[in-house]
Amino acid sequence: MAKYDKAFMEGQVALVFFHDKPAFFIRIENIEPDQKKGWWHVNFITLSIPISQMTWILSDDQIRGDDFTMQGNPIRLERVEAPHDRFDQPEKEPLEPPTREKSVSNQANIVSLFGDEEEE
């Protein structure tokens, strides 16, 4: 049984495993309760080409990552976490936008992309 504190939420990205192998990524768009207690309509888009929309009806445990089957094929959803080390860097001082005087140099060279010499 899956932990109840790890339920998927709208906007999250998950990896779908098919026969215990990574198959495709999804982004969960909407989760609505089913008429049957303990079941949910999970609307998502596939993050593949072509993008497609799907709705799966999953139980409380399946929406938390437990294995399930579709037409006898084992499937599992696994949460995708962004690597935090890239985003947890200390803040740097903001750069000042260049002023007109600083950004234009009197010694700039003009290079033609077509090999033509500049006429004066």
N, C-alpha and C. Protein backbone atom coordinates (compact mmCIF):
# COMPACT_ATOMS: atom_id res chain seq x y z
N MET A 1 0.84 -1.18 0.00
CA MET A 1 0.00 0.00 0.00
C MET A 1 0.88 1.25 0.00
N ALA A 2 0.50 2.23 -0.80
CA ALA A 2 1.29 3.45 -0.93
C ALA A 2 1.03 4.39 0.24
N LYS A 3 1.98 5.30 0.47
CA LYS A 3 1.81 6.30 1.52
C LYS A 3 0.81 7.35 1.06
N TYR A 4 -0.07 7.75 1.96
CA TYR A 4 -1.10 8.71 1.60
C TYR A 4 -0.57 10.14 1.48
N ASP A 5 0.62 10.43 1.97
CA ASP A 5 1.14 11.79 1.85
C ASP A 5 1.79 12.04 0.50
N LYS A 6 1.81 11.06 -0.39
CA LYS A 6 2.48 11.23 -1.68
C LYS A 6 1.51 11.15 -2.85
N ALA A 7 0.29 11.58 -2.66
CA ALA A 7 -0.68 11.58 -3.76
C ALA A 7 -0.25 12.57 -4.83
N PHE A 8 -0.51 12.23 -6.07
CA PHE A 8 -0.22 13.14 -7.16
C PHE A 8 -1.18 14.31 -7.11
N MET A 9 -0.72 15.46 -7.60
CA MET A 9 -1.54 16.66 -7.60
C MET A 9 -1.54 17.26 -9.01
N GLU A 10 -2.50 18.11 -9.26
CA GLU A 10 -2.59 18.77 -10.55
C GLU A 10 -1.33 19.58 -10.81
N GLY A 11 -0.85 19.52 -12.06
CA GLY A 11 0.34 20.24 -12.45
C GLY A 11 1.63 19.46 -12.29
N GLN A 12 1.58 18.33 -11.60
CA GLN A 12 2.80 17.55 -11.40
C GLN A 12 3.12 16.72 -12.65
N VAL A 13 4.39 16.43 -12.79
CA VAL A 13 4.88 15.59 -13.88
C VAL A 13 5.16 14.21 -13.31
N ALA A 14 4.77 13.19 -14.06
CA ALA A 14 5.00 11.80 -13.64
C ALA A 14 5.56 11.02 -14.82
N LEU A 15 6.26 9.96 -14.49
CA LEU A 15 6.78 9.03 -15.49
C LEU A 15 5.92 7.78 -15.43
N VAL A 16 5.42 7.36 -16.59
CA VAL A 16 4.60 6.16 -16.68
C VAL A 16 5.52 4.99 -17.01
N PHE A 17 5.45 3.97 -16.17
CA PHE A 17 6.20 2.73 -16.41
C PHE A 17 5.26 1.70 -17.00
N PHE A 18 5.69 1.05 -18.07
CA PHE A 18 4.93 0.01 -18.75
C PHE A 18 5.79 -1.25 -18.73
N HIS A 19 5.32 -2.30 -18.10
CA HIS A 19 6.12 -3.53 -17.90
C HIS A 19 7.44 -3.20 -17.21
N ASP A 20 7.39 -2.36 -16.18
CA ASP A 20 8.54 -1.96 -15.36
C ASP A 20 9.64 -1.22 -16.13
N LYS A 21 9.29 -0.66 -17.29
CA LYS A 21 10.25 0.13 -18.06
C LYS A 21 9.66 1.51 -18.30
N PRO A 22 10.48 2.58 -18.19
CA PRO A 22 9.97 3.93 -18.46
C PRO A 22 9.39 4.01 -19.87
N ALA A 23 8.16 4.54 -19.98
CA ALA A 23 7.50 4.60 -21.29
C ALA A 23 7.32 6.03 -21.78
N PHE A 24 6.73 6.90 -20.95
CA PHE A 24 6.51 8.29 -21.35
C PHE A 24 6.20 9.13 -20.12
N PHE A 25 6.38 10.45 -20.29
CA PHE A 25 6.07 11.40 -19.22
C PHE A 25 4.66 11.92 -19.41
N ILE A 26 4.03 12.30 -18.30
CA ILE A 26 2.72 12.93 -18.34
C ILE A 26 2.72 14.16 -17.42
N ARG A 27 1.81 15.09 -17.70
CA ARG A 27 1.55 16.20 -16.77
C ARG A 27 0.08 16.09 -16.38
N ILE A 28 -0.16 15.99 -15.08
CA ILE A 28 -1.51 15.82 -14.58
C ILE A 28 -2.23 17.16 -14.67
N GLU A 29 -3.33 17.18 -15.38
CA GLU A 29 -4.09 18.41 -15.62
C GLU A 29 -5.21 18.58 -14.61
N ASN A 30 -5.90 17.49 -14.26
CA ASN A 30 -7.07 17.60 -13.41
C ASN A 30 -7.31 16.26 -12.72
N ILE A 31 -7.74 16.32 -11.47
CA ILE A 31 -8.11 15.11 -10.72
C ILE A 31 -9.49 15.36 -10.13
N GLU A 32 -10.43 14.49 -10.48
CA GLU A 32 -11.80 14.63 -9.99
C GLU A 32 -12.25 13.30 -9.39
N PRO A 33 -13.08 13.36 -8.34
CA PRO A 33 -13.56 12.10 -7.76
C PRO A 33 -14.50 11.36 -8.70
N ASP A 34 -14.41 10.06 -8.69
CA ASP A 34 -15.32 9.20 -9.44
C ASP A 34 -16.59 9.03 -8.61
N GLN A 35 -17.63 8.51 -9.22
CA GLN A 35 -18.85 8.26 -8.46
C GLN A 35 -18.67 7.12 -7.45
N LYS A 36 -17.68 6.26 -7.73
CA LYS A 36 -17.37 5.18 -6.80
C LYS A 36 -16.34 5.69 -5.79
N LYS A 37 -16.64 5.55 -4.50
CA LYS A 37 -15.77 6.06 -3.44
C LYS A 37 -14.37 5.43 -3.54
N GLY A 38 -13.35 6.28 -3.37
CA GLY A 38 -11.96 5.81 -3.40
C GLY A 38 -11.37 5.72 -4.79
N TRP A 39 -12.08 6.21 -5.80
CA TRP A 39 -11.58 6.18 -7.17
C TRP A 39 -11.59 7.60 -7.73
N TRP A 40 -10.69 7.86 -8.69
CA TRP A 40 -10.48 9.20 -9.21
C TRP A 40 -10.35 9.20 -10.72
N HIS A 41 -10.85 10.25 -11.36
CA HIS A 41 -10.62 10.49 -12.79
C HIS A 41 -9.38 11.37 -12.88
N VAL A 42 -8.33 10.84 -13.45
CA VAL A 42 -7.07 11.57 -13.59
C VAL A 42 -6.92 11.95 -15.05
N ASN A 43 -7.05 13.25 -15.32
CA ASN A 43 -6.89 13.78 -16.68
C ASN A 43 -5.46 14.26 -16.83
N PHE A 44 -4.81 13.87 -17.93
CA PHE A 44 -3.42 14.27 -18.13
C PHE A 44 -3.13 14.41 -19.61
N ILE A 45 -2.01 15.08 -19.89
CA ILE A 45 -1.49 15.12 -21.26
C ILE A 45 -0.17 14.37 -21.27
N THR A 46 0.08 13.72 -22.38
CA THR A 46 1.36 13.04 -22.55
C THR A 46 2.39 14.07 -23.02
N LEU A 47 3.57 14.00 -22.46
CA LEU A 47 4.65 14.90 -22.86
C LEU A 47 5.51 14.16 -23.88
N SER A 48 4.90 13.91 -25.02
CA SER A 48 5.54 13.21 -26.12
C SER A 48 4.99 13.78 -27.41
N ILE A 49 5.51 13.34 -28.50
CA ILE A 49 5.03 13.81 -29.80
C ILE A 49 4.32 12.66 -30.47
N PRO A 50 3.08 12.81 -30.84
CA PRO A 50 2.22 13.97 -30.63
C PRO A 50 1.69 14.00 -29.20
N ILE A 51 1.39 15.19 -28.71
CA ILE A 51 0.79 15.34 -27.38
C ILE A 51 -0.64 14.82 -27.47
N SER A 52 -1.04 14.07 -26.47
CA SER A 52 -2.43 13.60 -26.44
C SER A 52 -2.99 13.74 -25.04
N GLN A 53 -4.30 13.83 -24.97
CA GLN A 53 -4.99 13.92 -23.69
C GLN A 53 -5.60 12.58 -23.37
N MET A 54 -5.52 12.20 -22.10
CA MET A 54 -6.09 10.93 -21.65
C MET A 54 -6.73 11.11 -20.29
N THR A 55 -7.62 10.21 -19.96
CA THR A 55 -8.21 10.14 -18.63
C THR A 55 -8.16 8.68 -18.19
N TRP A 56 -7.55 8.46 -17.03
CA TRP A 56 -7.54 7.14 -16.42
C TRP A 56 -8.33 7.22 -15.13
N ILE A 57 -9.05 6.16 -14.82
CA ILE A 57 -9.76 6.07 -13.54
C ILE A 57 -8.89 5.22 -12.62
N LEU A 58 -8.36 5.85 -11.57
CA LEU A 58 -7.41 5.19 -10.67
C LEU A 58 -7.95 5.18 -9.25
N SER A 59 -7.52 4.17 -8.50
CA SER A 59 -7.91 4.07 -7.09
C SER A 59 -7.01 4.96 -6.25
N ASP A 60 -7.35 5.09 -4.97
CA ASP A 60 -6.53 5.87 -4.03
C ASP A 60 -5.08 5.40 -4.06
N ASP A 61 -4.86 4.10 -4.04
CA ASP A 61 -3.50 3.56 -4.01
C ASP A 61 -2.77 3.77 -5.33
N GLN A 62 -3.48 3.59 -6.44
CA GLN A 62 -2.85 3.75 -7.75
C GLN A 62 -2.43 5.20 -8.01
N ILE A 63 -3.21 6.14 -7.51
CA ILE A 63 -2.87 7.55 -7.70
C ILE A 63 -1.69 7.96 -6.82
N ARG A 64 -1.28 7.07 -5.95
CA ARG A 64 -0.11 7.30 -5.09
C ARG A 64 1.08 6.45 -5.51
N GLY A 65 0.99 5.79 -6.67
CA GLY A 65 2.14 5.09 -7.21
C GLY A 65 2.11 3.58 -7.15
N ASP A 66 1.04 2.97 -6.65
CA ASP A 66 0.97 1.51 -6.64
C ASP A 66 0.78 0.98 -8.06
N ASP A 67 1.25 -0.24 -8.28
CA ASP A 67 1.10 -0.90 -9.58
C ASP A 67 -0.36 -1.18 -9.87
N PHE A 68 -0.71 -1.14 -11.16
CA PHE A 68 -2.03 -1.57 -11.62
C PHE A 68 -1.86 -2.14 -13.01
N THR A 69 -2.91 -2.70 -13.56
CA THR A 69 -2.83 -3.26 -14.91
C THR A 69 -3.92 -2.66 -15.78
N MET A 70 -3.61 -2.58 -17.06
CA MET A 70 -4.58 -2.22 -18.10
C MET A 70 -4.45 -3.27 -19.18
N GLN A 71 -5.55 -3.98 -19.42
CA GLN A 71 -5.57 -5.08 -20.40
C GLN A 71 -4.43 -6.06 -20.14
N GLY A 72 -4.18 -6.33 -18.85
CA GLY A 72 -3.16 -7.29 -18.46
C GLY A 72 -1.74 -6.77 -18.46
N ASN A 73 -1.53 -5.50 -18.80
CA ASN A 73 -0.19 -4.90 -18.84
C ASN A 73 0.08 -4.14 -17.56
N PRO A 74 1.18 -4.46 -16.85
CA PRO A 74 1.49 -3.75 -15.61
C PRO A 74 1.92 -2.30 -15.89
N ILE A 75 1.34 -1.39 -15.10
CA ILE A 75 1.60 0.05 -15.25
C ILE A 75 1.82 0.63 -13.86
N ARG A 76 2.66 1.65 -13.81
CA ARG A 76 2.92 2.36 -12.54
C ARG A 76 3.25 3.81 -12.85
N LEU A 77 2.81 4.73 -11.99
CA LEU A 77 3.17 6.14 -12.10
C LEU A 77 4.22 6.45 -11.06
N GLU A 78 5.23 7.20 -11.46
CA GLU A 78 6.28 7.61 -10.54
C GLU A 78 6.49 9.11 -10.66
N ARG A 79 6.51 9.78 -9.53
CA ARG A 79 6.69 11.23 -9.49
C ARG A 79 8.06 11.61 -10.04
N VAL A 80 8.10 12.71 -10.79
CA VAL A 80 9.35 13.24 -11.32
C VAL A 80 9.69 14.49 -10.51
N GLU A 81 10.85 14.48 -9.89
CA GLU A 81 11.30 15.61 -9.09
C GLU A 81 12.40 16.35 -9.84
N ALA A 82 12.34 17.67 -9.85
CA ALA A 82 13.38 18.48 -10.47
C ALA A 82 14.64 18.41 -9.61
N PRO A 83 15.81 18.38 -10.22
CA PRO A 83 17.03 18.40 -9.42
C PRO A 83 17.16 19.73 -8.70
N HIS A 84 17.21 19.67 -7.37
CA HIS A 84 17.19 20.89 -6.56
C HIS A 84 18.53 21.62 -6.55
N ASP A 85 19.63 20.93 -6.82
CA ASP A 85 20.93 21.57 -6.73
C ASP A 85 21.08 22.70 -7.75
N ARG A 86 20.39 22.66 -8.85
CA ARG A 86 20.49 23.73 -9.84
C ARG A 86 19.73 24.97 -9.41
N PHE A 87 18.67 24.79 -8.63
CA PHE A 87 17.81 25.91 -8.29
C PHE A 87 18.08 26.45 -6.89
N ASP A 88 18.84 25.75 -6.09
CA ASP A 88 19.10 26.17 -4.72
C ASP A 88 20.43 26.91 -4.58
N GLN A 89 20.91 27.51 -5.64
CA GLN A 89 22.16 28.24 -5.58
C GLN A 89 21.94 29.57 -4.87
N PRO A 90 22.96 30.07 -4.17
CA PRO A 90 22.79 31.37 -3.50
C PRO A 90 22.50 32.46 -4.53
N GLU A 91 21.73 33.42 -4.09
CA GLU A 91 21.36 34.51 -4.99
C GLU A 91 22.58 35.38 -5.31
N LYS A 92 22.69 35.75 -6.56
CA LYS A 92 23.76 36.63 -6.99
C LYS A 92 23.19 38.03 -7.10
N GLU A 93 24.08 39.01 -7.02
CA GLU A 93 23.63 40.39 -7.17
C GLU A 93 23.12 40.59 -8.58
N PRO A 94 21.99 41.29 -8.73
CA PRO A 94 21.47 41.51 -10.08
C PRO A 94 22.42 42.37 -10.90
N LEU A 95 22.53 42.03 -12.16
CA LEU A 95 23.39 42.79 -13.07
C LEU A 95 22.69 44.07 -13.45
N GLU A 96 23.49 45.13 -13.57
CA GLU A 96 22.93 46.40 -14.01
C GLU A 96 22.81 46.37 -15.52
N PRO A 97 21.67 46.81 -16.04
CA PRO A 97 21.56 46.85 -17.50
C PRO A 97 22.54 47.86 -18.06
N PRO A 98 23.16 47.55 -19.18
CA PRO A 98 24.15 48.48 -19.74
C PRO A 98 23.47 49.77 -20.20
N THR A 99 24.18 50.86 -19.99
CA THR A 99 23.67 52.14 -20.50
C THR A 99 24.11 52.28 -21.94
N ARG A 100 23.56 53.22 -22.61
CA ARG A 100 23.89 53.43 -24.02
C ARG A 100 25.38 53.69 -24.20
N GLU A 101 25.98 54.48 -23.29
CA GLU A 101 27.40 54.81 -23.42
C GLU A 101 28.27 53.56 -23.23
N LYS A 102 27.85 52.68 -22.31
CA LYS A 102 28.67 51.50 -22.04
C LYS A 102 28.52 50.43 -23.11
N SER A 103 27.36 50.36 -23.74
CA SER A 103 27.12 49.25 -24.66
C SER A 103 27.63 49.53 -26.07
N VAL A 104 27.84 50.77 -26.43
CA VAL A 104 28.31 51.11 -27.76
C VAL A 104 29.79 51.47 -27.68
N SER A 105 30.59 50.78 -28.46
CA SER A 105 32.03 51.03 -28.46
C SER A 105 32.41 51.81 -29.71
N ASN A 106 33.32 52.78 -29.55
CA ASN A 106 33.79 53.54 -30.70
C ASN A 106 34.73 52.72 -31.57
N GLN A 107 35.22 51.61 -31.08
CA GLN A 107 36.16 50.80 -31.82
C GLN A 107 35.53 49.51 -32.31
N ALA A 108 34.25 49.51 -32.59
CA ALA A 108 33.56 48.31 -33.05
C ALA A 108 33.95 47.99 -34.48
N ASN A 109 34.09 46.73 -34.78
CA ASN A 109 34.39 46.28 -36.13
C ASN A 109 33.11 45.78 -36.77
N ILE A 110 32.92 46.10 -38.03
CA ILE A 110 31.77 45.60 -38.78
C ILE A 110 32.28 44.51 -39.69
N VAL A 111 31.69 43.35 -39.56
CA VAL A 111 32.09 42.21 -40.37
C VAL A 111 30.90 41.80 -41.21
N SER A 112 31.09 41.72 -42.51
CA SER A 112 30.02 41.33 -43.40
C SER A 112 29.88 39.81 -43.42
N LEU A 113 28.67 39.36 -43.39
CA LEU A 113 28.43 37.91 -43.48
C LEU A 113 28.63 37.39 -44.89
N PHE A 114 28.62 38.31 -45.88
CA PHE A 114 28.67 37.90 -47.26
C PHE A 114 30.03 38.17 -47.92
N GLY A 115 31.00 38.63 -47.15
CA GLY A 115 32.34 38.86 -47.66
C GLY A 115 32.49 40.15 -48.42
N ASP A 116 31.43 40.99 -48.49
CA ASP A 116 31.53 42.28 -49.17
C ASP A 116 32.30 43.25 -48.29
N GLU A 117 33.11 44.09 -48.92
CA GLU A 117 33.80 45.11 -48.14
C GLU A 117 32.87 46.29 -47.96
N GLU A 118 32.99 46.95 -46.83
CA GLU A 118 32.16 48.11 -46.52
C GLU A 118 32.59 49.29 -47.36
N GLU A 119 31.61 49.95 -47.97
CA GLU A 119 31.90 51.14 -48.75
C GLU A 119 31.78 52.36 -47.87
N GLU A 120 32.67 53.32 -48.04
CA GLU A 120 32.61 54.55 -47.23
C GLU A 120 32.15 55.70 -48.04
